[in-house]
Protein backbone atom coordinates (compact mmCIF):
# COMPACT_ATOMS: atom_id res chain seq x y z
CA MET A 1 -159.70 90.98 -34.98
CA ASN A 2 -157.87 94.10 -36.09
CA HIS A 3 -155.09 92.31 -37.98
CA ILE A 4 -152.50 94.41 -36.17
CA LEU A 5 -149.86 91.83 -37.13
CA LYS A 6 -150.58 91.89 -40.87
CA ASN A 7 -147.40 91.38 -42.93
CA LYS A 8 -145.53 90.09 -39.86
CA ARG A 9 -143.86 86.68 -39.80
CA ALA A 10 -143.76 84.67 -36.57
CA LEU A 11 -142.06 81.50 -35.36
CA ILE A 12 -143.43 79.72 -32.29
CA THR A 13 -141.44 76.81 -30.88
CA GLY A 14 -143.49 73.95 -29.48
CA GLY A 15 -146.61 75.17 -31.25
CA SER A 16 -148.63 72.02 -31.80
CA ARG A 17 -150.41 71.77 -28.47
CA GLY A 18 -151.50 73.63 -25.34
CA ILE A 19 -150.27 77.18 -24.89
CA GLY A 20 -148.15 77.01 -28.04
CA ALA A 21 -151.07 76.06 -30.28
CA ALA A 22 -153.19 78.85 -28.80
CA ILE A 23 -150.41 81.35 -29.54
CA VAL A 24 -150.08 80.13 -33.12
CA LYS A 25 -153.80 80.59 -33.71
CA ARG A 26 -153.97 83.96 -31.96
CA LEU A 27 -151.06 85.49 -33.88
CA ALA A 28 -152.54 84.15 -37.11
CA SER A 29 -155.93 85.66 -36.26
CA GLU A 30 -154.15 89.00 -35.85
CA GLY A 31 -152.86 88.67 -39.42
CA ALA A 32 -149.37 87.20 -38.96
CA ASP A 33 -147.96 84.45 -41.14
CA VAL A 34 -146.89 81.72 -38.73
CA ALA A 35 -144.39 78.90 -38.52
CA PHE A 36 -144.21 76.56 -35.56
CA THR A 37 -142.11 73.63 -34.47
CA TYR A 38 -143.30 70.28 -33.19
CA THR A 39 -141.63 67.03 -32.12
CA SER A 40 -144.49 64.54 -32.32
CA SER A 41 -148.08 64.19 -33.57
CA PRO A 42 -147.74 65.31 -37.20
CA ASP A 43 -151.50 64.90 -37.58
CA ARG A 44 -152.10 67.48 -34.85
CA ALA A 45 -149.58 69.81 -36.47
CA ASN A 46 -151.32 69.45 -39.82
CA GLU A 47 -154.68 70.27 -38.24
CA ILE A 48 -153.25 73.51 -36.89
CA VAL A 49 -151.77 74.38 -40.29
CA GLN A 50 -155.17 73.91 -41.90
CA ALA A 51 -156.92 75.97 -39.22
CA VAL A 52 -154.43 78.80 -39.69
CA GLN A 53 -154.62 78.73 -43.46
CA ALA A 54 -158.39 79.06 -43.18
CA LEU A 55 -157.72 82.49 -41.64
CA GLY A 56 -156.08 83.60 -44.87
CA VAL A 57 -152.45 83.62 -43.75
CA GLN A 58 -149.48 81.38 -44.42
CA ALA A 59 -148.70 78.51 -42.06
CA LEU A 60 -145.67 76.26 -41.79
CA ALA A 61 -145.13 73.25 -39.49
CA ILE A 62 -141.48 72.37 -38.87
CA HIS A 63 -140.37 69.15 -37.22
CA ALA A 64 -137.60 70.16 -34.82
CA ASP A 65 -136.32 68.98 -31.45
CA SER A 66 -135.46 71.96 -29.27
CA ALA A 67 -132.87 69.84 -27.46
CA ASP A 68 -130.82 69.88 -30.67
CA ALA A 69 -129.29 73.31 -31.30
CA ARG A 70 -128.79 72.54 -34.99
CA GLU A 71 -132.48 71.80 -35.45
CA VAL A 72 -133.40 75.03 -33.64
CA VAL A 73 -131.24 77.09 -35.98
CA ALA A 74 -132.59 75.19 -38.98
CA ALA A 75 -136.16 76.01 -37.89
CA VAL A 76 -135.35 79.72 -37.83
CA GLU A 77 -133.70 79.54 -41.25
CA ASP A 78 -136.61 77.51 -42.66
CA THR A 79 -139.03 80.17 -41.40
CA VAL A 80 -137.04 82.93 -43.07
CA ASN A 81 -136.71 81.00 -46.33
CA LYS A 82 -140.38 80.00 -46.55
CA LEU A 83 -142.09 83.09 -45.10
CA GLY A 84 -139.59 85.72 -46.27
CA SER A 85 -138.26 86.93 -42.91
CA ILE A 86 -138.95 86.75 -39.19
CA ASP A 87 -140.41 89.55 -37.10
CA ILE A 88 -141.67 87.67 -34.02
CA LEU A 89 -140.07 84.79 -32.14
CA VAL A 90 -141.99 83.03 -29.38
CA ASN A 91 -139.81 80.62 -27.41
CA ASN A 92 -142.54 78.39 -26.04
CA ALA A 93 -141.06 74.86 -26.14
CA GLY A 94 -140.32 73.54 -22.68
CA VAL A 95 -140.12 70.42 -20.55
CA LEU A 96 -140.97 69.73 -16.93
CA ALA A 97 -138.99 67.13 -15.02
CA ILE A 98 -139.80 66.84 -11.33
CA GLY A 99 -138.07 64.66 -8.76
CA PRO A 100 -136.34 64.74 -5.38
CA ILE A 101 -132.74 65.92 -5.30
CA ASP A 102 -131.50 62.44 -4.32
CA ASP A 103 -132.96 60.83 -7.43
CA PHE A 104 -132.82 63.60 -10.05
CA THR A 105 -130.63 62.42 -12.90
CA LEU A 106 -128.03 64.46 -14.75
CA ALA A 107 -129.73 63.40 -17.98
CA ASP A 108 -132.96 65.08 -16.86
CA PHE A 109 -130.99 68.11 -15.67
CA ASP A 110 -129.19 68.45 -19.01
CA ARG A 111 -132.34 67.97 -21.07
CA THR A 112 -134.21 70.55 -18.97
CA PHE A 113 -131.54 73.17 -19.59
CA ALA A 114 -131.06 72.21 -23.24
CA ILE A 115 -134.72 72.87 -24.01
CA ASN A 116 -135.77 75.46 -21.42
CA VAL A 117 -132.65 77.65 -21.59
CA ARG A 118 -130.13 76.83 -24.31
CA ALA A 119 -132.74 76.53 -27.06
CA VAL A 120 -134.11 79.96 -26.13
CA PHE A 121 -130.66 81.51 -26.53
CA VAL A 122 -129.93 79.60 -29.74
CA ALA A 123 -133.25 80.54 -31.37
CA THR A 124 -132.88 84.15 -30.30
CA GLN A 125 -129.32 84.38 -31.60
CA ALA A 126 -130.40 82.93 -34.95
CA ALA A 127 -133.54 85.05 -35.27
CA VAL A 128 -132.06 88.47 -34.49
CA LYS A 129 -129.75 88.12 -37.49
CA HIS A 130 -132.87 88.56 -39.62
CA MET A 131 -134.96 90.89 -37.45
CA LYS A 132 -135.44 94.54 -38.27
CA GLU A 133 -136.52 97.39 -36.03
CA GLY A 134 -139.79 96.47 -34.39
CA GLY A 135 -138.77 92.85 -33.88
CA ARG A 136 -140.30 91.01 -30.93
CA ILE A 137 -138.93 88.11 -28.88
CA ILE A 138 -141.24 86.58 -26.29
CA ASN A 139 -140.28 83.70 -24.01
CA ILE A 140 -142.79 81.54 -22.18
CA GLY A 141 -141.33 81.27 -18.70
CA SER A 142 -143.18 80.29 -15.55
CA THR A 143 -144.49 81.69 -12.29
CA ASN A 144 -142.22 79.05 -10.74
CA ALA A 145 -139.29 81.36 -11.45
CA GLU A 146 -140.70 83.39 -8.56
CA ARG A 147 -142.38 80.71 -6.47
CA MET A 148 -142.03 76.92 -6.29
CA PRO A 149 -144.52 75.76 -3.64
CA PHE A 150 -143.79 72.04 -3.69
CA ALA A 151 -140.77 69.76 -3.49
CA GLY A 152 -139.04 68.31 -6.54
CA GLY A 153 -139.29 71.31 -8.84
CA GLY A 154 -135.95 72.96 -8.12
CA VAL A 155 -134.32 72.31 -11.50
CA TYR A 156 -137.40 73.40 -13.43
CA ALA A 157 -137.67 76.57 -11.35
CA MET A 158 -133.97 77.29 -11.90
CA SER A 159 -134.35 76.90 -15.67
CA LYS A 160 -137.18 79.43 -15.72
CA SER A 161 -135.30 81.81 -13.44
CA ALA A 162 -132.43 81.69 -15.94
CA LEU A 163 -134.73 83.24 -18.54
CA GLN A 164 -135.25 86.25 -16.30
CA GLY A 165 -131.56 87.10 -16.32
CA LEU A 166 -131.32 86.34 -20.03
CA VAL A 167 -134.05 88.78 -21.10
CA GLN A 168 -132.82 91.50 -18.78
CA GLY A 169 -129.33 91.22 -20.20
CA LEU A 170 -130.34 90.80 -23.85
CA SER A 171 -132.69 93.77 -23.63
CA ARG A 172 -129.51 95.89 -23.46
CA ASP A 173 -128.07 94.22 -26.56
CA LEU A 174 -131.24 94.44 -28.59
CA GLY A 175 -132.79 97.70 -27.43
CA PRO A 176 -130.59 99.92 -29.61
CA ARG A 177 -131.67 97.80 -32.60
CA GLY A 178 -135.36 98.41 -31.90
CA ILE A 179 -135.99 94.79 -30.87
CA THR A 180 -137.75 93.97 -27.61
CA ILE A 181 -137.42 90.79 -25.54
CA ASN A 182 -139.67 89.76 -22.66
CA ASN A 183 -140.82 86.80 -20.60
CA VAL A 184 -144.44 85.81 -20.14
CA GLN A 185 -144.68 83.80 -16.92
CA PRO A 186 -147.86 81.73 -16.69
CA GLY A 187 -149.15 80.17 -13.52
CA PRO A 188 -151.40 77.09 -13.55
CA ILE A 189 -152.97 76.94 -17.02
CA ALA A 190 -155.58 74.39 -18.05
CA THR A 191 -154.12 72.05 -20.69
CA ASP A 192 -154.20 68.34 -21.48
CA MET A 193 -150.99 67.96 -19.51
CA ASN A 194 -152.21 70.08 -16.58
CA PRO A 195 -155.98 69.62 -16.20
CA SER A 196 -157.90 72.15 -14.14
CA GLU A 197 -159.86 69.43 -12.36
CA GLY A 198 -158.60 66.78 -10.00
CA GLU A 199 -156.87 66.43 -6.62
CA PHE A 200 -153.68 68.27 -7.59
CA ALA A 201 -155.62 71.06 -9.27
CA GLU A 202 -157.74 71.60 -6.18
CA ILE A 203 -154.59 71.98 -4.08
CA LEU A 204 -153.22 74.60 -6.45
CA LYS A 205 -156.49 76.52 -6.71
CA LYS A 206 -156.29 77.24 -2.98
CA GLN A 207 -153.04 79.12 -3.68
CA ILE A 208 -154.38 81.18 -6.60
CA ALA A 209 -155.90 84.55 -5.74
CA VAL A 210 -158.66 84.22 -8.34
CA ALA A 211 -159.22 80.57 -7.30
CA ARG A 212 -159.12 79.14 -10.83
CA TYR A 213 -156.75 77.96 -13.49
CA GLY A 214 -155.96 80.27 -16.39
CA THR A 215 -156.73 79.46 -20.02
CA VAL A 216 -154.38 79.08 -22.95
CA ASP A 217 -156.24 81.89 -24.71
CA GLU A 218 -155.50 84.28 -21.84
CA VAL A 219 -151.79 83.57 -22.21
CA ALA A 220 -152.00 83.91 -25.99
CA GLY A 221 -153.68 87.29 -25.56
CA LEU A 222 -150.75 88.63 -23.56
CA VAL A 223 -148.29 87.25 -26.10
CA ALA A 224 -150.22 88.91 -28.93
CA TYR A 225 -150.05 92.25 -27.13
CA LEU A 226 -146.29 91.93 -26.65
CA ALA A 227 -145.94 91.00 -30.33
CA GLY A 228 -147.87 94.07 -31.45
CA PRO A 229 -147.03 97.71 -32.11
CA GLU A 230 -148.29 99.08 -28.77
CA SER A 231 -145.70 97.23 -26.68
CA GLY A 232 -142.56 98.88 -27.99
CA TYR A 233 -141.67 100.40 -24.61
CA ILE A 234 -141.79 97.05 -22.80
CA THR A 235 -138.51 95.12 -22.81
CA GLY A 236 -136.44 93.16 -20.33
CA ALA A 237 -139.64 92.48 -18.41
CA ASN A 238 -140.90 89.38 -16.62
CA LEU A 239 -144.69 89.56 -16.84
CA MET A 240 -146.69 87.31 -14.55
CA ILE A 241 -150.01 85.88 -15.73
CA ASP A 242 -150.82 83.57 -12.85
CA GLY A 243 -154.05 84.71 -11.23
CA GLY A 244 -152.14 85.91 -8.19
CA PHE A 245 -150.44 82.55 -7.55
CA SER A 246 -147.19 84.36 -6.75
CA ALA A 247 -148.81 87.32 -4.98
C-alpha cells in the first residue's frame, strides 16, 4: 500500500463486521489511524483492533448504539480526544427491517430511520466541527435507493433514498469548507448476513449484470479512494457499486 492516508484519523460506524470491518482494515492499511463503533461482540471488535495495530497505526473500538444520538456524538468526541482529530467519517452502521406494509411496525420504522438516517446526520454534524479542509464524509447507502425489486423493503429503500438528498444538500454547506460528502451504494455484497450462496442469492444473481455478488473488499476499495487526496472534486455524489444490479 502507498499509505496515502498517513496522518489521517478516521471514524467508521458499525465497524466490527462485514463491510464496516473491511473498511476499517483498508483505511488502516493506507496509513490512517482508525476508530470504529460496535454494539455487540466485543471479542470481534478486539480482534480488529489487534489486526489494525499490527499495521503500525492506532486503533480504537468504541461501544456505541447508533440509535442513540448521544452515543453517536460521544463516539465522535472520543475519536477526537483519543486520536487527536477527525479527518474521515464513514457512516456505515445500518439496519434492515423487511415486512409487508400491513404488518410493519412503527417501532421498526423509527429504528430504521434513527440508525440509517438520523445517526448519519448526527455524526456528520458532530464531525464537521473538527474537520479541516480536505475532510471526507462517506455514507454507506444502498442500491435499493434506486431499485427495490421485491416486496417488503419500502421503508429500508426510503431510508437509503433519504441519504441521497442529504449528501446533495450538505455538499453545498461543506464544499466551501473543503470537505466532501458522498454516498457509496453497494448492491448484493457477500457477508455473514447476506451469503452469496443459497436460494435467495441465486435469485438475485440473475438480476446482476456481472452475475455475482460483490465483496466487502471491493466496497472498501471505493471508500478508500473517496477518503484519499485524488477524490477532492467528487462531492454530493451517489456512487453505485452493485455489479449492474440497478442498470
